[in-house]
Amino acid sequence: MIPLRDDNPTTLTPVITIGLIVACSLVFLYQTTLPPGQDEAFVLHYGAVPAIVLGEETGSAAIGFPITLTLITSMFLHGGWMHLIGNMLYLWIFGNNIEDAMGHVRFVWFYLACGLLAALSHALTDLHSTIPTVGASGAISGVLGAYLLLYPRAQVLVLIPLGLLTRTMYVPAAVVLGFWFVLQLVSGGASLGQGGGGVAWFAHVGGFLAGMALIGLFKRADVAFLAPARHSSWSAD
């Protein structure tokens, strides 16, 4: 299931969500301008390398740049166009409602906290990895976890591939996000002990659980958990 949009209106202009999308896009565009070799050095320098973050090893990220800050800078790096587009799609669909539920400033801190906890979750499951972790997916996973607790009955328009055919349909957010989380958990379990690169599944799992745990602290007092479905003025074809 590929989410396309949700039927869950907001009251605030999502300036932080838009700003994060713009920032990630600009950083990635800058990455694409770097010549071969320098692009890899850039990712190694500003990506979060588990073995370096946890003090197991030293590396280029330690040169003139605080190691702990790579847990933040890594959130703005991406490994390719599809990585960037997929993350930004999820952030756009679900981030505006979470920003709306918190306000702009709280959303910034929530997003960064989820990203930090996500990166640490990955590092703790791959202690000796020297492969840099990059991407906003850990922080966005926190947004998804928060969304599940606040708006499980919101309707999400999804694209469902059926071989050569596709169809779109509305599905409750609880189904979309629940399916997504189970997929991350199963994939993460299957990847344990394999080492190497690939998807940081446990960053997704850790970020999602962090979002669920932190949402109560960051949401506005007037925002209820498990809200009934709300509908905006548009409908799908």
C-alpha atoms as a PDB file:
ATOM      1  CA  MET A   1       0.000   0.000   0.000  1.00  0.00           C
ATOM      2  CA  ILE A   2       1.420   3.352  -1.060  1.00  0.00           C
ATOM      3  CA  PRO A   3      -0.258   6.302   0.705  1.00  0.00           C
ATOM      4  CA  LEU A   4      -1.171   9.216  -1.516  1.00  0.00           C
ATOM      5  CA  ARG A   5      -2.985  11.577   0.871  1.00  0.00           C
ATOM      6  CA  ASP A   6      -5.212  11.545   3.928  1.00  0.00           C
ATOM      7  CA  ASP A   7      -8.690  12.929   4.521  1.00  0.00           C
ATOM      8  CA  ASN A   8      -7.739  14.708   7.732  1.00  0.00           C
ATOM      9  CA  PRO A   9      -7.934  18.530   7.588  1.00  0.00           C
ATOM     10  CA  THR A  10      -5.656  20.849   9.557  1.00  0.00           C
ATOM     11  CA  THR A  11      -6.004  24.345  10.961  1.00  0.00           C
ATOM     12  CA  LEU A  12      -2.348  25.464  10.907  1.00  0.00           C
ATOM     13  CA  THR A  13      -0.191  26.035   7.869  1.00  0.00           C
ATOM     14  CA  PRO A  14       2.465  23.274   8.201  1.00  0.00           C
ATOM     15  CA  VAL A  15       5.454  25.576   7.883  1.00  0.00           C
ATOM     16  CA  ILE A  16       7.809  23.211   9.723  1.00  0.00           C
ATOM     17  CA  THR A  17       6.769  20.193   7.668  1.00  0.00           C
ATOM     18  CA  ILE A  18       7.283  22.205   4.479  1.00  0.00           C
ATOM     19  CA  GLY A  19      10.591  23.531   5.793  1.00  0.00           C
ATOM     20  CA  LEU A  20      11.868  20.022   6.545  1.00  0.00           C
ATOM     21  CA  ILE A  21      10.913  18.836   3.065  1.00  0.00           C
ATOM     22  CA  VAL A  22      12.683  21.817   1.493  1.00  0.00           C
ATOM     23  CA  ALA A  23      15.780  21.344   3.681  1.00  0.00           C
ATOM     24  CA  CYS A  24      16.088  17.623   2.898  1.00  0.00           C
ATOM     25  CA  SER A  25      15.573  18.294  -0.809  1.00  0.00           C
ATOM     26  CA  LEU A  26      18.186  21.051  -0.922  1.00  0.00           C
ATOM     27  CA  VAL A  27      20.760  18.936   0.929  1.00  0.00           C
ATOM     28  CA  PHE A  28      20.169  16.052  -1.459  1.00  0.00           C
ATOM     29  CA  LEU A  29      20.481  18.336  -4.482  1.00  0.00           C
ATOM     30  CA  TYR A  30      23.783  19.531  -3.052  1.00  0.00           C
ATOM     31  CA  GLN A  31      24.887  15.897  -2.658  1.00  0.00           C
ATOM     32  CA  THR A  32      24.192  15.310  -6.345  1.00  0.00           C
ATOM     33  CA  THR A  33      26.527  18.165  -7.319  1.00  0.00           C
ATOM     34  CA  LEU A  34      29.521  16.635  -5.550  1.00  0.00           C
ATOM     35  CA  PRO A  35      32.058  14.799  -7.720  1.00  0.00           C
ATOM     36  CA  PRO A  36      32.678  11.061  -7.236  1.00  0.00           C
ATOM     37  CA  GLY A  37      34.540  10.445  -4.021  1.00  0.00           C
ATOM     38  CA  GLN A  38      33.524  13.705  -2.419  1.00  0.00           C
ATOM     39  CA  ASP A  39      29.890  12.613  -2.236  1.00  0.00           C
ATOM     40  CA  GLU A  40      30.877   9.483  -0.326  1.00  0.00           C
ATOM     41  CA  ALA A  41      33.128  11.520   1.970  1.00  0.00           C
ATOM     42  CA  PHE A  42      30.254  13.941   2.620  1.00  0.00           C
ATOM     43  CA  VAL A  43      27.914  11.103   3.660  1.00  0.00           C
ATOM     44  CA  LEU A  44      30.590   9.468   5.806  1.00  0.00           C
ATOM     45  CA  HIS A  45      31.332  12.772   7.519  1.00  0.00           C
ATOM     46  CA  TYR A  46      27.743  13.787   8.272  1.00  0.00           C
ATOM     47  CA  GLY A  47      26.015  10.407   8.425  1.00  0.00           C
ATOM     48  CA  ALA A  48      25.579   8.595  11.737  1.00  0.00           C
ATOM     49  CA  VAL A  49      28.039   5.692  11.859  1.00  0.00           C
ATOM     50  CA  PRO A  50      26.990   3.319  14.688  1.00  0.00           C
ATOM     51  CA  ALA A  51      30.525   2.215  15.635  1.00  0.00           C
ATOM     52  CA  ILE A  52      31.700   5.850  15.811  1.00  0.00           C
ATOM     53  CA  VAL A  53      28.611   7.197  17.583  1.00  0.00           C
ATOM     54  CA  LEU A  54      28.924   4.514  20.266  1.00  0.00           C
ATOM     55  CA  GLY A  55      32.685   5.007  20.635  1.00  0.00           C
ATOM     56  CA  GLU A  56      33.683   1.650  19.176  1.00  0.00           C
ATOM     57  CA  GLU A  57      35.837   3.254  16.490  1.00  0.00           C
ATOM     58  CA  THR A  58      37.012   6.612  15.220  1.00  0.00           C
ATOM     59  CA  GLY A  59      36.676   7.832  11.663  1.00  0.00           C
ATOM     60  CA  SER A  60      36.364  10.783   9.337  1.00  0.00           C
ATOM     61  CA  ALA A  61      33.216  11.940  11.104  1.00  0.00           C
ATOM     62  CA  ALA A  62      35.378  12.714  14.120  1.00  0.00           C
ATOM     63  CA  ILE A  63      37.485  15.252  12.222  1.00  0.00           C
ATOM     64  CA  GLY A  64      36.378  18.759  13.101  1.00  0.00           C
ATOM     65  CA  PHE A  65      32.769  17.809  13.754  1.00  0.00           C
ATOM     66  CA  PRO A  66      31.096  16.622  16.999  1.00  0.00           C
ATOM     67  CA  ILE A  67      30.109  12.969  16.732  1.00  0.00           C
ATOM     68  CA  THR A  68      26.778  13.475  18.484  1.00  0.00           C
ATOM     69  CA  LEU A  69      25.693  16.045  15.900  1.00  0.00           C
ATOM     70  CA  THR A  70      25.799  13.393  13.184  1.00  0.00           C
ATOM     71  CA  LEU A  71      22.646  11.980  14.789  1.00  0.00           C
ATOM     72  CA  ILE A  72      20.947  15.183  13.602  1.00  0.00           C
ATOM     73  CA  THR A  73      22.771  15.893  10.345  1.00  0.00           C
ATOM     74  CA  SER A  74      22.132  12.334   9.157  1.00  0.00           C
ATOM     75  CA  MET A  75      18.389  13.081   9.157  1.00  0.00           C
ATOM     76  CA  PHE A  76      18.874  15.494   6.251  1.00  0.00           C
ATOM     77  CA  LEU A  77      20.918  13.156   4.028  1.00  0.00           C
ATOM     78  CA  HIS A  78      19.462  10.587   1.639  1.00  0.00           C
ATOM     79  CA  GLY A  79      20.867   7.746  -0.385  1.00  0.00           C
ATOM     80  CA  GLY A  80      18.991   8.329  -3.637  1.00  0.00           C
ATOM     81  CA  TRP A  81      16.011   9.913  -5.335  1.00  0.00           C
ATOM     82  CA  MET A  82      13.571   7.165  -4.356  1.00  0.00           C
ATOM     83  CA  HIS A  83      14.784   7.279  -0.749  1.00  0.00           C
ATOM     84  CA  LEU A  84      14.174  11.030  -0.659  1.00  0.00           C
ATOM     85  CA  ILE A  85      10.821  10.955  -2.474  1.00  0.00           C
ATOM     86  CA  GLY A  86       9.433   8.127  -0.338  1.00  0.00           C
ATOM     87  CA  ASN A  87      10.389   9.829   2.905  1.00  0.00           C
ATOM     88  CA  MET A  88       9.090  13.227   1.852  1.00  0.00           C
ATOM     89  CA  LEU A  89       5.793  11.708   0.696  1.00  0.00           C
ATOM     90  CA  TYR A  90       5.170  10.178   4.123  1.00  0.00           C
ATOM     91  CA  LEU A  91       6.267  13.368   5.875  1.00  0.00           C
ATOM     92  CA  TRP A  92       3.904  15.495   3.775  1.00  0.00           C
ATOM     93  CA  ILE A  93       0.896  13.202   4.239  1.00  0.00           C
ATOM     94  CA  PHE A  94       1.206  12.616   7.981  1.00  0.00           C
ATOM     95  CA  GLY A  95       3.467  15.393   9.263  1.00  0.00           C
ATOM     96  CA  ASN A  96       1.056  18.273   8.760  1.00  0.00           C
ATOM     97  CA  ASN A  97      -1.505  16.746  11.130  1.00  0.00           C
ATOM     98  CA  ILE A  98       1.073  16.087  13.838  1.00  0.00           C
ATOM     99  CA  GLU A  99       2.421  19.612  13.504  1.00  0.00           C
ATOM    100  CA  ASP A 100      -1.172  20.817  13.746  1.00  0.00           C
ATOM    101  CA  ALA A 101      -1.657  18.789  16.943  1.00  0.00           C
ATOM    102  CA  MET A 102       1.474  20.210  18.595  1.00  0.00           C
ATOM    103  CA  GLY A 103       2.176  23.614  17.163  1.00  0.00           C
ATOM    104  CA  HIS A 104       5.275  24.539  15.211  1.00  0.00           C
ATOM    105  CA  VAL A 105       7.911  24.716  17.962  1.00  0.00           C
ATOM    106  CA  ARG A 106       6.932  21.526  19.747  1.00  0.00           C
ATOM    107  CA  PHE A 107       6.846  19.699  16.441  1.00  0.00           C
ATOM    108  CA  VAL A 108      10.481  20.609  15.772  1.00  0.00           C
ATOM    109  CA  TRP A 109      11.587  19.163  19.106  1.00  0.00           C
ATOM    110  CA  PHE A 110       9.385  16.097  18.697  1.00  0.00           C
ATOM    111  CA  TYR A 111      10.744  15.411  15.218  1.00  0.00           C
ATOM    112  CA  LEU A 112      14.370  15.721  16.328  1.00  0.00           C
ATOM    113  CA  ALA A 113      13.803  13.609  19.443  1.00  0.00           C
ATOM    114  CA  CYS A 114      12.243  10.812  17.405  1.00  0.00           C
ATOM    115  CA  GLY A 115      15.083  10.987  14.892  1.00  0.00           C
ATOM    116  CA  LEU A 116      17.702  10.772  17.637  1.00  0.00           C
ATOM    117  CA  LEU A 117      16.026   7.807  19.313  1.00  0.00           C
ATOM    118  CA  ALA A 118      15.584   6.111  15.956  1.00  0.00           C
ATOM    119  CA  ALA A 119      19.278   6.472  15.099  1.00  0.00           C
ATOM    120  CA  LEU A 120      20.270   5.125  18.515  1.00  0.00           C
ATOM    121  CA  SER A 121      17.882   2.193  18.086  1.00  0.00           C
ATOM    122  CA  HIS A 122      19.643   1.249  14.866  1.00  0.00           C
ATOM    123  CA  ALA A 123      23.089   1.734  16.383  1.00  0.00           C
ATOM    124  CA  LEU A 124      22.281  -0.533  19.326  1.00  0.00           C
ATOM    125  CA  THR A 125      21.218  -3.350  16.998  1.00  0.00           C
ATOM    126  CA  ASP A 126      24.349  -3.016  14.825  1.00  0.00           C
ATOM    127  CA  LEU A 127      27.027  -1.941  17.287  1.00  0.00           C
ATOM    128  CA  HIS A 128      30.095  -2.480  15.135  1.00  0.00           C
ATOM    129  CA  SER A 129      28.760  -1.168  11.834  1.00  0.00           C
ATOM    130  CA  THR A 130      30.986   1.346  10.056  1.00  0.00           C
ATOM    131  CA  ILE A 131      28.339   2.080   7.425  1.00  0.00           C
ATOM    132  CA  PRO A 132      26.813   5.554   7.770  1.00  0.00           C
ATOM    133  CA  THR A 133      23.093   5.716   8.436  1.00  0.00           C
ATOM    134  CA  VAL A 134      21.292   8.464   6.527  1.00  0.00           C
ATOM    135  CA  GLY A 135      17.707   9.536   5.973  1.00  0.00           C
ATOM    136  CA  ALA A 136      14.745  11.190   7.632  1.00  0.00           C
ATOM    137  CA  SER A 137      12.820   7.927   7.938  1.00  0.00           C
ATOM    138  CA  GLY A 138      13.576   7.449  11.652  1.00  0.00           C
ATOM    139  CA  ALA A 139      12.132  10.845  12.551  1.00  0.00           C
ATOM    140  CA  ILE A 140       9.231  10.351  10.141  1.00  0.00           C
ATOM    141  CA  SER A 141       8.546   6.980  11.744  1.00  0.00           C
ATOM    142  CA  GLY A 142       7.984   8.895  14.981  1.00  0.00           C
ATOM    143  CA  VAL A 143       5.427  11.024  13.152  1.00  0.00           C
ATOM    144  CA  LEU A 144       3.682   7.842  12.008  1.00  0.00           C
ATOM    145  CA  GLY A 145       3.588   6.438  15.543  1.00  0.00           C
ATOM    146  CA  ALA A 146       2.059   9.662  16.829  1.00  0.00           C
ATOM    147  CA  TYR A 147      -0.474   9.708  14.007  1.00  0.00           C
ATOM    148  CA  LEU A 148      -1.572   6.169  14.841  1.00  0.00           C
ATOM    149  CA  LEU A 149      -2.453   7.169  18.405  1.00  0.00           C
ATOM    150  CA  LEU A 150      -4.134  10.438  17.462  1.00  0.00           C
ATOM    151  CA  TYR A 151      -5.948   9.658  14.215  1.00  0.00           C
ATOM    152  CA  PRO A 152      -6.312   5.887  13.755  1.00  0.00           C
ATOM    153  CA  ARG A 153      -9.693   6.301  12.053  1.00  0.00           C
ATOM    154  CA  ALA A 154      -8.581   8.942   9.570  1.00  0.00           C
ATOM    155  CA  GLN A 155      -9.048   7.773   5.996  1.00  0.00           C
ATOM    156  CA  VAL A 156      -5.913   7.422   3.874  1.00  0.00           C
ATOM    157  CA  LEU A 157      -6.063   7.156   0.111  1.00  0.00           C
ATOM    158  CA  VAL A 158      -3.647   4.391  -0.907  1.00  0.00           C
ATOM    159  CA  LEU A 159      -2.401   3.000  -4.186  1.00  0.00           C
ATOM    160  CA  ILE A 160      -2.489  -0.804  -4.268  1.00  0.00           C
ATOM    161  CA  PRO A 161      -0.396  -2.492  -6.991  1.00  0.00           C
ATOM    162  CA  LEU A 162      -2.125  -5.584  -8.384  1.00  0.00           C
ATOM    163  CA  GLY A 163       0.350  -6.974 -10.850  1.00  0.00           C
ATOM    164  CA  LEU A 164      -0.022  -4.986 -14.062  1.00  0.00           C
ATOM    165  CA  LEU A 165      -3.035  -3.191 -12.625  1.00  0.00           C
ATOM    166  CA  THR A 166      -3.371  -0.744  -9.761  1.00  0.00           C
ATOM    167  CA  ARG A 167      -6.292   0.650  -7.840  1.00  0.00           C
ATOM    168  CA  THR A 168      -6.837   3.349  -5.256  1.00  0.00           C
ATOM    169  CA  MET A 169      -9.033   3.102  -2.213  1.00  0.00           C
ATOM    170  CA  TYR A 170      -9.522   4.643   1.201  1.00  0.00           C
ATOM    171  CA  VAL A 171      -8.165   2.655   4.155  1.00  0.00           C
ATOM    172  CA  PRO A 172      -8.209   3.598   7.858  1.00  0.00           C
ATOM    173  CA  ALA A 173      -4.893   4.999   9.049  1.00  0.00           C
ATOM    174  CA  ALA A 174      -4.698   2.248  11.673  1.00  0.00           C
ATOM    175  CA  VAL A 175      -4.563  -0.346   8.881  1.00  0.00           C
ATOM    176  CA  VAL A 176      -2.010   1.557   6.778  1.00  0.00           C
ATOM    177  CA  LEU A 177       0.309   2.362   9.671  1.00  0.00           C
ATOM    178  CA  GLY A 178      -0.197  -0.957  11.435  1.00  0.00           C
ATOM    179  CA  PHE A 179       0.737  -2.822   8.248  1.00  0.00           C
ATOM    180  CA  TRP A 180       3.756  -0.549   7.793  1.00  0.00           C
ATOM    181  CA  PHE A 181       4.998  -1.145  11.349  1.00  0.00           C
ATOM    182  CA  VAL A 182       4.616  -4.927  11.160  1.00  0.00           C
ATOM    183  CA  LEU A 183       6.559  -4.890   7.888  1.00  0.00           C
ATOM    184  CA  GLN A 184       9.419  -2.968   9.537  1.00  0.00           C
ATOM    185  CA  LEU A 185       9.439  -5.290  12.535  1.00  0.00           C
ATOM    186  CA  VAL A 186       9.452  -8.475  10.476  1.00  0.00           C
ATOM    187  CA  SER A 187      12.069  -7.149   8.064  1.00  0.00           C
ATOM    188  CA  GLY A 188      14.227  -5.988  10.953  1.00  0.00           C
ATOM    189  CA  GLY A 189      14.048  -9.381  12.632  1.00  0.00           C
ATOM    190  CA  ALA A 190      15.021 -11.082   9.381  1.00  0.00           C
ATOM    191  CA  SER A 191      18.015  -8.780   8.959  1.00  0.00           C
ATOM    192  CA  LEU A 192      19.542  -9.402  12.406  1.00  0.00           C
ATOM    193  CA  GLY A 193      23.017 -10.868  12.242  1.00  0.00           C
ATOM    194  CA  GLN A 194      23.383 -10.307   8.505  1.00  0.00           C
ATOM    195  CA  GLY A 195      25.483  -7.146   8.809  1.00  0.00           C
ATOM    196  CA  GLY A 196      26.294  -4.936   5.860  1.00  0.00           C
ATOM    197  CA  GLY A 197      24.278  -2.088   4.453  1.00  0.00           C
ATOM    198  CA  GLY A 198      20.666  -1.870   3.399  1.00  0.00           C
ATOM    199  CA  VAL A 199      17.636  -0.523   5.215  1.00  0.00           C
ATOM    200  CA  ALA A 200      17.958   0.485   8.875  1.00  0.00           C
ATOM    201  CA  TRP A 201      14.775  -1.342   9.872  1.00  0.00           C
ATOM    202  CA  PHE A 202      15.240  -0.852  13.598  1.00  0.00           C
ATOM    203  CA  ALA A 203      15.600   2.899  13.143  1.00  0.00           C
ATOM    204  CA  HIS A 204      12.050   2.753  11.783  1.00  0.00           C
ATOM    205  CA  VAL A 205      10.865   0.559  14.640  1.00  0.00           C
ATOM    206  CA  GLY A 206      12.589   2.683  17.276  1.00  0.00           C
ATOM    207  CA  GLY A 207      11.337   5.934  15.775  1.00  0.00           C
ATOM    208  CA  PHE A 208       7.762   4.645  15.569  1.00  0.00           C
ATOM    209  CA  LEU A 209       7.769   3.524  19.219  1.00  0.00           C
ATOM    210  CA  ALA A 210       9.394   6.813  20.249  1.00  0.00           C
ATOM    211  CA  GLY A 211       6.603   8.735  18.533  1.00  0.00           C
ATOM    212  CA  MET A 212       3.973   6.706  20.342  1.00  0.00           C
ATOM    213  CA  ALA A 213       5.737   7.232  23.672  1.00  0.00           C
ATOM    214  CA  LEU A 214       6.337  10.971  23.254  1.00  0.00           C
ATOM    215  CA  ILE A 215       3.113  12.160  21.659  1.00  0.00           C
ATOM    216  CA  GLY A 216       1.385  12.575  25.018  1.00  0.00           C
ATOM    217  CA  LEU A 217       4.109  14.989  26.113  1.00  0.00           C
ATOM    218  CA  PHE A 218       4.114  17.103  22.964  1.00  0.00           C
ATOM    219  CA  LYS A 219       0.515  17.346  21.781  1.00  0.00           C
ATOM    220  CA  ARG A 220      -1.715  20.214  22.827  1.00  0.00           C
ATOM    221  CA  ALA A 221      -3.955  19.502  25.805  1.00  0.00           C
ATOM    222  CA  ASP A 222      -7.094  19.946  23.703  1.00  0.00           C
ATOM    223  CA  VAL A 223      -6.046  17.265  21.203  1.00  0.00           C
ATOM    224  CA  ALA A 224      -7.560  13.912  22.117  1.00  0.00           C
ATOM    225  CA  PHE A 225      -6.170  10.456  21.518  1.00  0.00           C
ATOM    226  CA  LEU A 226      -8.012   8.150  19.090  1.00  0.00           C
ATOM    227  CA  ALA A 227      -9.955  10.977  17.471  1.00  0.00           C
ATOM    228  CA  PRO A 228     -12.930  10.084  15.248  1.00  0.00           C
ATOM    229  CA  ALA A 229     -12.492  10.447  11.512  1.00  0.00           C
ATOM    230  CA  ARG A 230     -12.701  13.989  10.157  1.00  0.00           C
ATOM    231  CA  HIS A 231     -13.303  14.769   6.505  1.00  0.00           C
ATOM    232  CA  SER A 232     -12.001  17.551   4.332  1.00  0.00           C
ATOM    233  CA  SER A 233     -13.881  19.037   1.425  1.00  0.00           C
ATOM    234  CA  TRP A 234     -12.350  16.917  -1.342  1.00  0.00           C
ATOM    235  CA  SER A 235     -12.932  13.340  -2.397  1.00  0.00           C
ATOM    236  CA  ALA A 236     -10.971  10.839  -4.452  1.00  0.00           C
ATOM    237  CA  ASP A 237     -11.748   9.897  -8.016  1.00  0.00           C
END
